[in-house]
């Protein structure tokens, strides 16, 4: 099983466990301090699994491994610090600043992993420029957030500028998949589908409107139960 599929399974299991605990507490118990901590801990583990999906996808595709490793390390540190505070570690001023710093850079790293994972060789120049812009904005917002936390900046002008950067960052990330899909007609899209089976890995190039259809076309006539992993990557 690939790391990404393992993470998906773990996230599903953790979310199910969190929901089961919440239902059990609501129906049969009281939400005391210990129950609340257990619930938050399982939820934080699920969040870690969700955050890990983008960097694990990069590792699966053998792309930007340094960025993927940094993303995993920062997101793990964020969740570990959060769990420590949930279970009684003192969240003093320094602890709060440290958590804000690690979290902001974890978000920037995950954002970069998502952008890199989405990027395709067939992307238009506008989409590529937006990708570069989103990388810069993401790390700028993370740095400014960290500076704000440690310097305790409360200036209205500074906070407004930081908010404007954050909005621009979110917009630059959100526009990329929309413009990329708009630029290439569905009938012209091509995907590289990797099939991992008992005989090893083989790769097919398939014309399809979306990844699901690409996988369907690539596996037509094949025994899916014998395949250990299936990955589809858009190439045009």
C-alpha atoms as a PDB file:
ATOM      1  CA  UNK A   1       0.000   0.000   0.000  1.00  0.00           C
ATOM      2  CA  UNK A   2       1.390   3.422  -0.957  1.00  0.00           C
ATOM      3  CA  UNK A   3       2.005   6.079   1.748  1.00  0.00           C
ATOM      4  CA  UNK A   4      -0.862   8.183   0.397  1.00  0.00           C
ATOM      5  CA  UNK A   5      -3.366   5.314   0.492  1.00  0.00           C
ATOM      6  CA  UNK A   6      -2.163   4.403   3.978  1.00  0.00           C
ATOM      7  CA  UNK A   7      -2.681   8.017   5.096  1.00  0.00           C
ATOM      8  CA  UNK A   8      -6.173   8.080   3.593  1.00  0.00           C
ATOM      9  CA  UNK A   9      -7.053   4.899   5.462  1.00  0.00           C
ATOM     10  CA  UNK A  10      -5.640   6.317   8.708  1.00  0.00           C
ATOM     11  CA  UNK A  11      -7.525   9.608   8.287  1.00  0.00           C
ATOM     12  CA  UNK A  12     -10.792   7.754   7.662  1.00  0.00           C
ATOM     13  CA  UNK A  13     -10.192   5.591  10.729  1.00  0.00           C
ATOM     14  CA  UNK A  14      -9.328   8.561  12.954  1.00  0.00           C
ATOM     15  CA  UNK A  15     -12.292  10.630  11.785  1.00  0.00           C
ATOM     16  CA  UNK A  16     -14.557   7.640  12.409  1.00  0.00           C
ATOM     17  CA  UNK A  17     -13.050   7.184  15.880  1.00  0.00           C
ATOM     18  CA  UNK A  18     -13.521  10.878  16.664  1.00  0.00           C
ATOM     19  CA  UNK A  19     -17.142  10.755  15.531  1.00  0.00           C
ATOM     20  CA  UNK A  20     -17.773   7.560  17.528  1.00  0.00           C
ATOM     21  CA  UNK A  21     -16.246   9.107  20.660  1.00  0.00           C
ATOM     22  CA  UNK A  22     -18.311  12.268  20.233  1.00  0.00           C
ATOM     23  CA  UNK A  23     -21.522  10.291  19.765  1.00  0.00           C
ATOM     24  CA  UNK A  24     -20.700   8.065  22.740  1.00  0.00           C
ATOM     25  CA  UNK A  25     -19.957  11.024  24.994  1.00  0.00           C
ATOM     26  CA  UNK A  26     -23.080  12.901  23.887  1.00  0.00           C
ATOM     27  CA  UNK A  27     -25.388   9.896  24.333  1.00  0.00           C
ATOM     28  CA  UNK A  28     -23.919   8.019  27.281  1.00  0.00           C
ATOM     29  CA  UNK A  29     -21.511  10.246  29.143  1.00  0.00           C
ATOM     30  CA  UNK A  30     -20.528  13.772  30.028  1.00  0.00           C
ATOM     31  CA  UNK A  31     -17.962  15.904  28.267  1.00  0.00           C
ATOM     32  CA  UNK A  32     -15.541  16.223  31.146  1.00  0.00           C
ATOM     33  CA  UNK A  33     -11.946  17.384  31.015  1.00  0.00           C
ATOM     34  CA  UNK A  34     -10.484  13.965  30.220  1.00  0.00           C
ATOM     35  CA  UNK A  35     -13.115  13.094  27.611  1.00  0.00           C
ATOM     36  CA  UNK A  36     -12.607  16.462  25.962  1.00  0.00           C
ATOM     37  CA  UNK A  37      -8.860  15.921  25.788  1.00  0.00           C
ATOM     38  CA  UNK A  38      -9.263  12.472  24.273  1.00  0.00           C
ATOM     39  CA  UNK A  39     -11.693  13.846  21.688  1.00  0.00           C
ATOM     40  CA  UNK A  40      -9.368  16.719  20.773  1.00  0.00           C
ATOM     41  CA  UNK A  41      -6.388  14.368  20.546  1.00  0.00           C
ATOM     42  CA  UNK A  42      -8.065  12.016  18.068  1.00  0.00           C
ATOM     43  CA  UNK A  43      -9.252  15.020  16.070  1.00  0.00           C
ATOM     44  CA  UNK A  44      -5.715  16.448  15.963  1.00  0.00           C
ATOM     45  CA  UNK A  45      -4.347  13.122  14.732  1.00  0.00           C
ATOM     46  CA  UNK A  46      -6.972  13.169  11.980  1.00  0.00           C
ATOM     47  CA  UNK A  47      -5.947  16.731  11.085  1.00  0.00           C
ATOM     48  CA  UNK A  48      -2.323  15.569  10.858  1.00  0.00           C
ATOM     49  CA  UNK A  49      -3.396  12.841   8.447  1.00  0.00           C
ATOM     50  CA  UNK A  50      -5.271  15.328   6.271  1.00  0.00           C
ATOM     51  CA  UNK A  51      -2.308  17.734   6.234  1.00  0.00           C
ATOM     52  CA  UNK A  52       0.001  14.877   5.263  1.00  0.00           C
ATOM     53  CA  UNK A  53      -1.924  14.003   2.094  1.00  0.00           C
ATOM     54  CA  UNK A  54      -0.344  16.675  -0.138  1.00  0.00           C
ATOM     55  CA  UNK A  55       3.307  15.968   0.812  1.00  0.00           C
ATOM     56  CA  UNK A  56       2.705  12.201   0.660  1.00  0.00           C
ATOM     57  CA  UNK A  57       1.320  12.644  -2.858  1.00  0.00           C
ATOM     58  CA  UNK A  58       4.584  14.395  -3.789  1.00  0.00           C
ATOM     59  CA  UNK A  59       6.609  11.535  -2.330  1.00  0.00           C
ATOM     60  CA  UNK A  60       4.472   9.043  -4.245  1.00  0.00           C
ATOM     61  CA  UNK A  61       5.142  10.968  -7.455  1.00  0.00           C
ATOM     62  CA  UNK A  62       8.847  11.374  -6.581  1.00  0.00           C
ATOM     63  CA  UNK A  63       8.566  15.149  -6.824  1.00  0.00           C
ATOM     64  CA  UNK A  64       9.899  17.949  -4.560  1.00  0.00           C
ATOM     65  CA  UNK A  65      10.961  15.512  -1.846  1.00  0.00           C
ATOM     66  CA  UNK A  66      12.635  18.233   0.223  1.00  0.00           C
ATOM     67  CA  UNK A  67       9.432  20.278   0.303  1.00  0.00           C
ATOM     68  CA  UNK A  68       7.412  17.155   1.123  1.00  0.00           C
ATOM     69  CA  UNK A  69       9.723  16.274   4.029  1.00  0.00           C
ATOM     70  CA  UNK A  70       9.597  19.851   5.380  1.00  0.00           C
ATOM     71  CA  UNK A  71       5.800  19.892   5.123  1.00  0.00           C
ATOM     72  CA  UNK A  72       5.496  16.613   7.031  1.00  0.00           C
ATOM     73  CA  UNK A  73       7.944  17.760   9.711  1.00  0.00           C
ATOM     74  CA  UNK A  74       6.230  21.119  10.269  1.00  0.00           C
ATOM     75  CA  UNK A  75       2.701  19.692  10.302  1.00  0.00           C
ATOM     76  CA  UNK A  76       3.802  16.957  12.725  1.00  0.00           C
ATOM     77  CA  UNK A  77       5.432  19.549  14.989  1.00  0.00           C
ATOM     78  CA  UNK A  78       2.247  21.641  14.937  1.00  0.00           C
ATOM     79  CA  UNK A  79       0.061  18.700  15.932  1.00  0.00           C
ATOM     80  CA  UNK A  80       2.562  17.498  18.555  1.00  0.00           C
ATOM     81  CA  UNK A  81       2.675  20.945  20.196  1.00  0.00           C
ATOM     82  CA  UNK A  82      -1.112  21.190  20.097  1.00  0.00           C
ATOM     83  CA  UNK A  83      -1.505  17.779  21.745  1.00  0.00           C
ATOM     84  CA  UNK A  84       1.032  18.728  24.411  1.00  0.00           C
ATOM     85  CA  UNK A  85      -0.975  21.834  25.246  1.00  0.00           C
ATOM     86  CA  UNK A  86      -4.238  19.849  25.244  1.00  0.00           C
ATOM     87  CA  UNK A  87      -2.798  17.474  27.841  1.00  0.00           C
ATOM     88  CA  UNK A  88      -1.624  20.133  30.241  1.00  0.00           C
ATOM     89  CA  UNK A  89       1.591  21.723  28.987  1.00  0.00           C
ATOM     90  CA  UNK A  90       1.652  25.381  29.947  1.00  0.00           C
ATOM     91  CA  UNK A  91       0.460  27.549  27.069  1.00  0.00           C
ATOM     92  CA  UNK A  92       2.221  30.677  28.234  1.00  0.00           C
ATOM     93  CA  UNK A  93       3.151  33.623  26.059  1.00  0.00           C
ATOM     94  CA  UNK A  94       6.243  31.888  24.705  1.00  0.00           C
ATOM     95  CA  UNK A  95       4.353  28.655  24.032  1.00  0.00           C
ATOM     96  CA  UNK A  96       1.634  30.535  22.179  1.00  0.00           C
ATOM     97  CA  UNK A  97       4.182  32.356  20.039  1.00  0.00           C
ATOM     98  CA  UNK A  98       5.985  29.104  19.247  1.00  0.00           C
ATOM     99  CA  UNK A  99       2.721  27.411  18.254  1.00  0.00           C
ATOM    100  CA  UNK A 100       1.737  30.371  16.064  1.00  0.00           C
ATOM    101  CA  UNK A 101       5.136  30.305  14.330  1.00  0.00           C
ATOM    102  CA  UNK A 102       5.234  26.566  13.672  1.00  0.00           C
ATOM    103  CA  UNK A 103       1.600  26.520  12.540  1.00  0.00           C
ATOM    104  CA  UNK A 104       2.023  29.434  10.126  1.00  0.00           C
ATOM    105  CA  UNK A 105       5.069  27.869   8.468  1.00  0.00           C
ATOM    106  CA  UNK A 106       3.363  24.456   8.374  1.00  0.00           C
ATOM    107  CA  UNK A 107       0.436  26.023   6.514  1.00  0.00           C
ATOM    108  CA  UNK A 108       2.837  27.703   4.070  1.00  0.00           C
ATOM    109  CA  UNK A 109       4.671  24.424   3.446  1.00  0.00           C
ATOM    110  CA  UNK A 110       1.454  22.459   2.940  1.00  0.00           C
ATOM    111  CA  UNK A 111       0.196  25.163   0.575  1.00  0.00           C
ATOM    112  CA  UNK A 112       3.391  24.933  -1.477  1.00  0.00           C
ATOM    113  CA  UNK A 113       3.071  21.130  -1.551  1.00  0.00           C
ATOM    114  CA  UNK A 114      -0.501  21.443  -2.840  1.00  0.00           C
ATOM    115  CA  UNK A 115       0.535  23.947  -5.516  1.00  0.00           C
ATOM    116  CA  UNK A 116       3.502  21.840  -6.659  1.00  0.00           C
ATOM    117  CA  UNK A 117       1.368  18.699  -6.669  1.00  0.00           C
ATOM    118  CA  UNK A 118      -1.265  20.366  -8.820  1.00  0.00           C
ATOM    119  CA  UNK A 119       1.185  21.874 -11.328  1.00  0.00           C
ATOM    120  CA  UNK A 120       1.235  20.317 -14.790  1.00  0.00           C
ATOM    121  CA  UNK A 121       3.630  20.657 -17.702  1.00  0.00           C
ATOM    122  CA  UNK A 122       0.708  21.804 -19.862  1.00  0.00           C
ATOM    123  CA  UNK A 123      -0.185  24.724 -17.570  1.00  0.00           C
ATOM    124  CA  UNK A 124      -0.541  28.109 -19.223  1.00  0.00           C
ATOM    125  CA  UNK A 125       1.946  30.868 -18.402  1.00  0.00           C
ATOM    126  CA  UNK A 126      -0.653  32.653 -16.273  1.00  0.00           C
ATOM    127  CA  UNK A 127      -1.184  29.579 -14.126  1.00  0.00           C
ATOM    128  CA  UNK A 128       2.567  29.093 -13.670  1.00  0.00           C
ATOM    129  CA  UNK A 129       2.994  32.711 -12.626  1.00  0.00           C
ATOM    130  CA  UNK A 130       0.151  32.354 -10.146  1.00  0.00           C
ATOM    131  CA  UNK A 131       1.908  29.289  -8.755  1.00  0.00           C
ATOM    132  CA  UNK A 132       5.121  31.216  -8.189  1.00  0.00           C
ATOM    133  CA  UNK A 133       3.153  34.108  -6.688  1.00  0.00           C
ATOM    134  CA  UNK A 134       1.311  31.803  -4.289  1.00  0.00           C
ATOM    135  CA  UNK A 135       4.608  30.326  -3.058  1.00  0.00           C
ATOM    136  CA  UNK A 136       5.936  33.801  -2.325  1.00  0.00           C
ATOM    137  CA  UNK A 137       2.740  35.007  -0.681  1.00  0.00           C
ATOM    138  CA  UNK A 138       2.409  31.891   1.461  1.00  0.00           C
ATOM    139  CA  UNK A 139       5.885  32.151   2.941  1.00  0.00           C
ATOM    140  CA  UNK A 140       5.552  35.935   3.292  1.00  0.00           C
ATOM    141  CA  UNK A 141       2.324  35.538   5.276  1.00  0.00           C
ATOM    142  CA  UNK A 142       3.976  32.880   7.459  1.00  0.00           C
ATOM    143  CA  UNK A 143       6.964  35.130   8.157  1.00  0.00           C
ATOM    144  CA  UNK A 144       4.789  38.167   8.881  1.00  0.00           C
ATOM    145  CA  UNK A 145       2.572  36.102  11.188  1.00  0.00           C
ATOM    146  CA  UNK A 146       5.614  34.872  13.097  1.00  0.00           C
ATOM    147  CA  UNK A 147       6.995  38.401  13.416  1.00  0.00           C
ATOM    148  CA  UNK A 148       3.597  39.623  14.615  1.00  0.00           C
ATOM    149  CA  UNK A 149       3.492  36.912  17.280  1.00  0.00           C
ATOM    150  CA  UNK A 150       6.989  37.378  18.659  1.00  0.00           C
ATOM    151  CA  UNK A 151       6.996  41.196  18.474  1.00  0.00           C
ATOM    152  CA  UNK A 152       3.396  41.424  19.728  1.00  0.00           C
ATOM    153  CA  UNK A 153       2.559  43.841  16.913  1.00  0.00           C
ATOM    154  CA  UNK A 154      -0.917  45.318  17.312  1.00  0.00           C
ATOM    155  CA  UNK A 155      -0.699  48.111  14.772  1.00  0.00           C
ATOM    156  CA  UNK A 156      -3.922  48.400  12.785  1.00  0.00           C
ATOM    157  CA  UNK A 157      -2.016  49.162   9.580  1.00  0.00           C
ATOM    158  CA  UNK A 158       0.224  46.119   9.969  1.00  0.00           C
ATOM    159  CA  UNK A 159      -2.693  43.776  10.671  1.00  0.00           C
ATOM    160  CA  UNK A 160      -4.662  45.176   7.728  1.00  0.00           C
ATOM    161  CA  UNK A 161      -1.680  44.635   5.422  1.00  0.00           C
ATOM    162  CA  UNK A 162      -1.282  41.077   6.738  1.00  0.00           C
ATOM    163  CA  UNK A 163      -4.977  40.424   6.137  1.00  0.00           C
ATOM    164  CA  UNK A 164      -4.699  41.762   2.586  1.00  0.00           C
ATOM    165  CA  UNK A 165      -1.712  39.480   1.916  1.00  0.00           C
ATOM    166  CA  UNK A 166      -3.665  36.514   3.261  1.00  0.00           C
ATOM    167  CA  UNK A 167      -6.627  37.242   0.973  1.00  0.00           C
ATOM    168  CA  UNK A 168      -4.308  37.592  -2.033  1.00  0.00           C
ATOM    169  CA  UNK A 169      -2.613  34.328  -1.081  1.00  0.00           C
ATOM    170  CA  UNK A 170      -5.890  32.398  -0.880  1.00  0.00           C
ATOM    171  CA  UNK A 171      -7.009  33.890  -4.192  1.00  0.00           C
ATOM    172  CA  UNK A 172      -3.762  32.977  -5.963  1.00  0.00           C
ATOM    173  CA  UNK A 173      -4.085  29.363  -4.822  1.00  0.00           C
ATOM    174  CA  UNK A 174      -7.784  29.069  -5.635  1.00  0.00           C
ATOM    175  CA  UNK A 175      -7.472  30.517  -9.136  1.00  0.00           C
ATOM    176  CA  UNK A 176      -4.850  28.037 -10.335  1.00  0.00           C
ATOM    177  CA  UNK A 177      -7.018  24.900 -10.732  1.00  0.00           C
ATOM    178  CA  UNK A 178      -9.883  26.985 -12.142  1.00  0.00           C
ATOM    179  CA  UNK A 179      -7.720  28.620 -14.818  1.00  0.00           C
ATOM    180  CA  UNK A 180      -5.915  25.365 -15.573  1.00  0.00           C
ATOM    181  CA  UNK A 181      -9.178  23.507 -16.210  1.00  0.00           C
ATOM    182  CA  UNK A 182     -10.536  26.393 -18.261  1.00  0.00           C
ATOM    183  CA  UNK A 183      -7.431  26.514 -20.455  1.00  0.00           C
ATOM    184  CA  UNK A 184      -7.596  22.900 -21.659  1.00  0.00           C
ATOM    185  CA  UNK A 185     -10.814  21.454 -23.159  1.00  0.00           C
ATOM    186  CA  UNK A 186     -11.931  18.263 -21.413  1.00  0.00           C
ATOM    187  CA  UNK A 187     -11.619  16.280 -24.626  1.00  0.00           C
ATOM    188  CA  UNK A 188      -7.931  17.256 -24.957  1.00  0.00           C
ATOM    189  CA  UNK A 189      -6.766  16.320 -21.466  1.00  0.00           C
ATOM    190  CA  UNK A 190      -4.219  13.550 -21.062  1.00  0.00           C
ATOM    191  CA  UNK A 191      -3.226  11.617 -17.963  1.00  0.00           C
ATOM    192  CA  UNK A 192      -0.312   9.380 -17.016  1.00  0.00           C
ATOM    193  CA  UNK A 193      -1.721   6.390 -15.144  1.00  0.00           C
ATOM    194  CA  UNK A 194       0.663   4.205 -13.108  1.00  0.00           C
ATOM    195  CA  UNK A 195      -0.494   0.670 -12.310  1.00  0.00           C
ATOM    196  CA  UNK A 196       1.431  -1.286  -9.680  1.00  0.00           C
ATOM    197  CA  UNK A 197       0.775  -5.033  -9.763  1.00  0.00           C
ATOM    198  CA  UNK A 198       2.456  -8.384  -9.147  1.00  0.00           C
ATOM    199  CA  UNK A 199       4.678  -7.893 -12.208  1.00  0.00           C
ATOM    200  CA  UNK A 200       5.822  -4.434 -11.154  1.00  0.00           C
ATOM    201  CA  UNK A 201       4.810  -0.961 -12.274  1.00  0.00           C
ATOM    202  CA  UNK A 202       3.648  -0.038 -15.755  1.00  0.00           C
ATOM    203  CA  UNK A 203       2.652   3.386 -17.018  1.00  0.00           C
ATOM    204  CA  UNK A 204      -0.005   4.294 -19.583  1.00  0.00           C
ATOM    205  CA  UNK A 205      -0.918   7.618 -21.174  1.00  0.00           C
ATOM    206  CA  UNK A 206      -4.669   8.028 -21.492  1.00  0.00           C
ATOM    207  CA  UNK A 207      -6.920  10.728 -22.964  1.00  0.00           C
ATOM    208  CA  UNK A 208      -9.798  11.407 -20.574  1.00  0.00           C
ATOM    209  CA  UNK A 209     -11.820  14.335 -19.170  1.00  0.00           C
ATOM    210  CA  UNK A 210     -10.830  13.651 -15.530  1.00  0.00           C
ATOM    211  CA  UNK A 211      -8.612  11.373 -13.388  1.00  0.00           C
ATOM    212  CA  UNK A 212     -11.424   8.960 -12.507  1.00  0.00           C
ATOM    213  CA  UNK A 213     -12.240   8.316 -16.150  1.00  0.00           C
ATOM    214  CA  UNK A 214      -8.519   8.025 -16.941  1.00  0.00           C
ATOM    215  CA  UNK A 215      -8.158   5.254 -14.348  1.00  0.00           C
ATOM    216  CA  UNK A 216     -11.291   3.548 -15.648  1.00  0.00           C
ATOM    217  CA  UNK A 217      -9.965   3.550 -19.212  1.00  0.00           C
ATOM    218  CA  UNK A 218      -6.476   2.448 -18.177  1.00  0.00           C
ATOM    219  CA  UNK A 219      -7.771  -0.509 -16.174  1.00  0.00           C
ATOM    220  CA  UNK A 220     -10.372  -1.726 -18.649  1.00  0.00           C
ATOM    221  CA  UNK A 221      -9.997  -5.485 -18.900  1.00  0.00           C
ATOM    222  CA  UNK A 222      -7.526  -5.635 -16.004  1.00  0.00           C
ATOM    223  CA  UNK A 223      -8.037  -7.350 -12.654  1.00  0.00           C
ATOM    224  CA  UNK A 224      -8.197  -4.395 -10.262  1.00  0.00           C
ATOM    225  CA  UNK A 225      -8.004  -6.638  -7.201  1.00  0.00           C
ATOM    226  CA  UNK A 226      -4.475  -7.624  -8.259  1.00  0.00           C
ATOM    227  CA  UNK A 227      -3.278  -4.018  -8.381  1.00  0.00           C
ATOM    228  CA  UNK A 228      -1.507  -2.737  -5.283  1.00  0.00           C
ATOM    229  CA  UNK A 229      -1.672   0.919  -6.310  1.00  0.00           C
ATOM    230  CA  UNK A 230      -3.151   3.125  -9.032  1.00  0.00           C
ATOM    231  CA  UNK A 231      -2.088   6.730  -9.627  1.00  0.00           C
ATOM    232  CA  UNK A 232      -3.296   9.199 -12.240  1.00  0.00           C
ATOM    233  CA  UNK A 233      -1.401  12.398 -13.043  1.00  0.00           C
ATOM    234  CA  UNK A 234      -2.530  14.948 -15.565  1.00  0.00           C
ATOM    235  CA  UNK A 235       0.185  15.756 -18.092  1.00  0.00           C
ATOM    236  CA  UNK A 236      -1.685  17.872 -20.648  1.00  0.00           C
END
